[in-house]
Structures are given as C-alpha cells and as structure tokens.
Amino acid sequence: MIDHVSIQCRDVAASAAFYDAALTPLGGKRIMDFGPVIGYGTERPEFWLGPVTTGGEAREAHLAFTAPDRAAVRAFFEAAVATGAEVLHEPRLWPEYHPTYFGAFVRDPDGNNVEAVCHAPE
C-alpha cells in the first residue's frame, strides 16, 4: 500500500551514515543521491532522507524495516549500535504481536524509533 516514505533530518550526513550501516544487513542500499536528498531501497527508492524544511519541533516517527530472517535483525541491530544508536529493545521475540514476530529497536540520529522485524519462524 505504501509506495515510499521520507523523513526530515537535522543532519542528513549523520542520518545517512546511520541508514547506510543499518539498512545494509536488510538488503537496503543507497539508490539515489540528489545532494541533500537520499533515496534507499532494494530495487528502487522506497525510503528517503532530506533536510528539515518545515518549522517547529520534529515528532518521533516509528519506521519498521522488513528483515529476511532473524540473523538479519541481529545484524541490523549490531550495525546500528556500532554507529552509536541508542538501544530501545535488543533483538527478541515479541509474542504479544504474534508468535514469530522477531524485532529489534534503536533510535536514529534524529530520535526516530527504527525497527528491523522478521515475521518468519526460525
């Protein structure tokens, strides 16, 4: 249903470094780079970063990226933490969502809650 989503960043370079590292284990990569605007995806840009262009305080967004397996969730978590990301929840099962929901949550440089999730059984 969603074709693409974009977020505004206070420091696009810092956010790009985070997402370059965190999305690689999930198969994501930088596909387009238009100066301050960067598009990530697997085949086409589905997730975009850009500079803040609106006034006021930014609100936290929750971004969940699909992982092909639990090992990729763990690799996402390790890559994100290696960039200095704040740990929200280490990789684990979340049976309250459903029996095979395996996810990890961190904060990106702008304070967004970023998750990698695998829905497949181990």
Protein backbone atom coordinates (compact mmCIF):
# COMPACT_ATOMS: atom_id res chain seq x y z
CA MET A 1 0.00 0.00 0.00
CA ILE A 2 2.83 2.47 0.73
CA ASP A 3 4.96 3.36 -2.28
CA HIS A 4 7.56 5.37 -0.39
CA VAL A 5 8.12 7.44 2.74
CA SER A 6 10.51 10.26 3.58
CA ILE A 7 11.73 11.83 6.79
CA GLN A 8 13.36 15.16 7.52
CA CYS A 9 16.75 15.13 9.24
CA ARG A 10 18.61 17.81 11.17
CA ASP A 11 21.93 16.39 9.92
CA VAL A 12 21.44 14.47 6.68
CA ALA A 13 25.07 13.27 6.63
CA ALA A 14 24.78 11.76 10.13
CA SER A 15 21.43 10.15 9.30
CA ALA A 16 22.80 8.81 6.01
CA ALA A 17 25.75 7.22 7.83
CA PHE A 18 23.30 5.54 10.22
CA TYR A 19 20.98 4.26 7.48
CA ASP A 20 23.88 3.22 5.21
CA ALA A 21 25.03 0.91 8.01
CA ALA A 22 21.68 -0.19 9.44
CA LEU A 23 19.92 -0.99 6.16
CA THR A 24 22.77 -2.98 4.58
CA PRO A 25 22.05 -6.18 6.59
CA LEU A 26 18.42 -5.94 5.43
CA GLY A 27 19.39 -5.73 1.75
CA GLY A 28 18.77 -1.99 1.56
CA LYS A 29 21.17 0.41 -0.08
CA ARG A 30 21.52 4.00 -1.19
CA ILE A 31 19.97 4.09 -4.67
CA MET A 32 19.65 7.82 -5.39
CA ASP A 33 21.56 10.77 -4.04
CA PHE A 34 20.39 14.25 -5.02
CA GLY A 35 22.71 16.27 -2.82
CA PRO A 36 20.83 16.70 0.43
CA VAL A 37 18.10 14.18 -0.52
CA ILE A 38 18.93 10.45 -0.43
CA GLY A 39 16.79 7.50 -1.50
CA TYR A 40 17.17 3.95 -0.15
CA GLY A 41 15.67 0.68 -1.30
CA THR A 42 16.40 -2.72 -2.75
CA GLU A 43 15.46 -2.07 -6.38
CA ARG A 44 14.00 1.45 -6.30
CA PRO A 45 13.94 4.17 -3.65
CA GLU A 46 11.26 3.47 -1.05
CA PHE A 47 12.72 5.39 1.88
CA TRP A 48 14.01 8.95 1.61
CA LEU A 49 16.07 11.28 3.82
CA GLY A 50 16.11 15.03 3.39
CA PRO A 51 16.91 18.17 5.32
CA VAL A 52 14.41 19.81 7.65
CA THR A 53 12.31 22.22 5.59
CA THR A 54 9.42 22.86 7.97
CA GLY A 55 9.33 24.86 11.19
CA GLY A 56 8.60 23.64 14.66
CA GLU A 57 9.71 20.61 16.58
CA ALA A 58 10.03 17.28 14.83
CA ARG A 59 7.94 14.42 16.17
CA GLU A 60 9.25 10.93 16.65
CA ALA A 61 8.39 8.56 13.81
CA HIS A 62 8.38 4.79 14.02
CA LEU A 63 9.99 3.13 11.00
CA ALA A 64 9.93 -0.67 10.69
CA PHE A 65 12.03 -2.35 8.00
CA THR A 66 11.45 -5.94 6.90
CA ALA A 67 14.27 -8.39 7.55
CA PRO A 68 14.51 -11.66 5.60
CA ASP A 69 15.42 -13.65 8.71
CA ARG A 70 16.34 -13.31 12.37
CA ALA A 71 20.05 -13.18 11.60
CA ALA A 72 19.40 -10.02 9.57
CA VAL A 73 17.54 -8.46 12.53
CA ARG A 74 20.56 -9.16 14.72
CA ALA A 75 22.94 -7.78 12.06
CA PHE A 76 20.80 -4.63 11.71
CA PHE A 77 20.94 -4.15 15.48
CA GLU A 78 24.72 -4.60 15.65
CA ALA A 79 25.31 -2.26 12.69
CA ALA A 80 23.03 0.41 14.15
CA VAL A 81 24.58 0.21 17.61
CA ALA A 82 28.06 0.43 16.05
CA THR A 83 27.08 3.87 14.69
CA GLY A 84 26.22 4.99 18.24
CA ALA A 85 22.47 4.44 18.03
CA GLU A 86 20.58 4.35 21.32
CA VAL A 87 19.24 0.88 22.09
CA LEU A 88 15.49 0.78 22.66
CA HIS A 89 15.00 -3.02 22.57
CA GLU A 90 17.55 -5.71 21.79
CA PRO A 91 16.58 -8.42 19.28
CA ARG A 92 13.94 -10.76 20.69
CA LEU A 93 10.60 -12.40 20.09
CA TRP A 94 7.53 -10.24 20.66
CA PRO A 95 4.79 -12.88 21.17
CA GLU A 96 2.29 -10.19 22.16
CA TYR A 97 2.32 -9.15 18.46
CA HIS A 98 2.30 -12.72 17.12
CA PRO A 99 4.23 -15.93 17.91
CA THR A 100 7.04 -15.43 15.34
CA TYR A 101 7.43 -11.62 15.50
CA PHE A 102 11.19 -11.07 15.99
CA GLY A 103 12.34 -7.47 16.19
CA ALA A 104 14.98 -5.03 17.41
CA PHE A 105 14.52 -1.29 18.00
CA VAL A 106 17.02 1.61 18.07
CA ARG A 107 16.94 5.41 17.77
CA ASP A 108 18.34 7.10 14.68
CA PRO A 109 20.30 10.39 14.93
CA ASP A 110 17.03 12.37 14.86
CA GLY A 111 15.38 10.38 17.65
CA ASN A 112 13.16 8.22 15.45
CA ASN A 113 12.29 4.71 16.62
CA VAL A 114 13.76 2.42 13.95
CA GLU A 115 12.99 -1.29 13.91
CA ALA A 116 14.02 -4.34 11.92
CA VAL A 117 11.45 -7.12 12.02
CA CYS A 118 11.21 -10.67 10.75
CA HIS A 119 7.82 -12.42 10.77
CA ALA A 120 9.07 -15.86 9.72
CA PRO A 121 9.67 -18.71 12.15
CA GLU A 122 13.29 -19.55 12.91
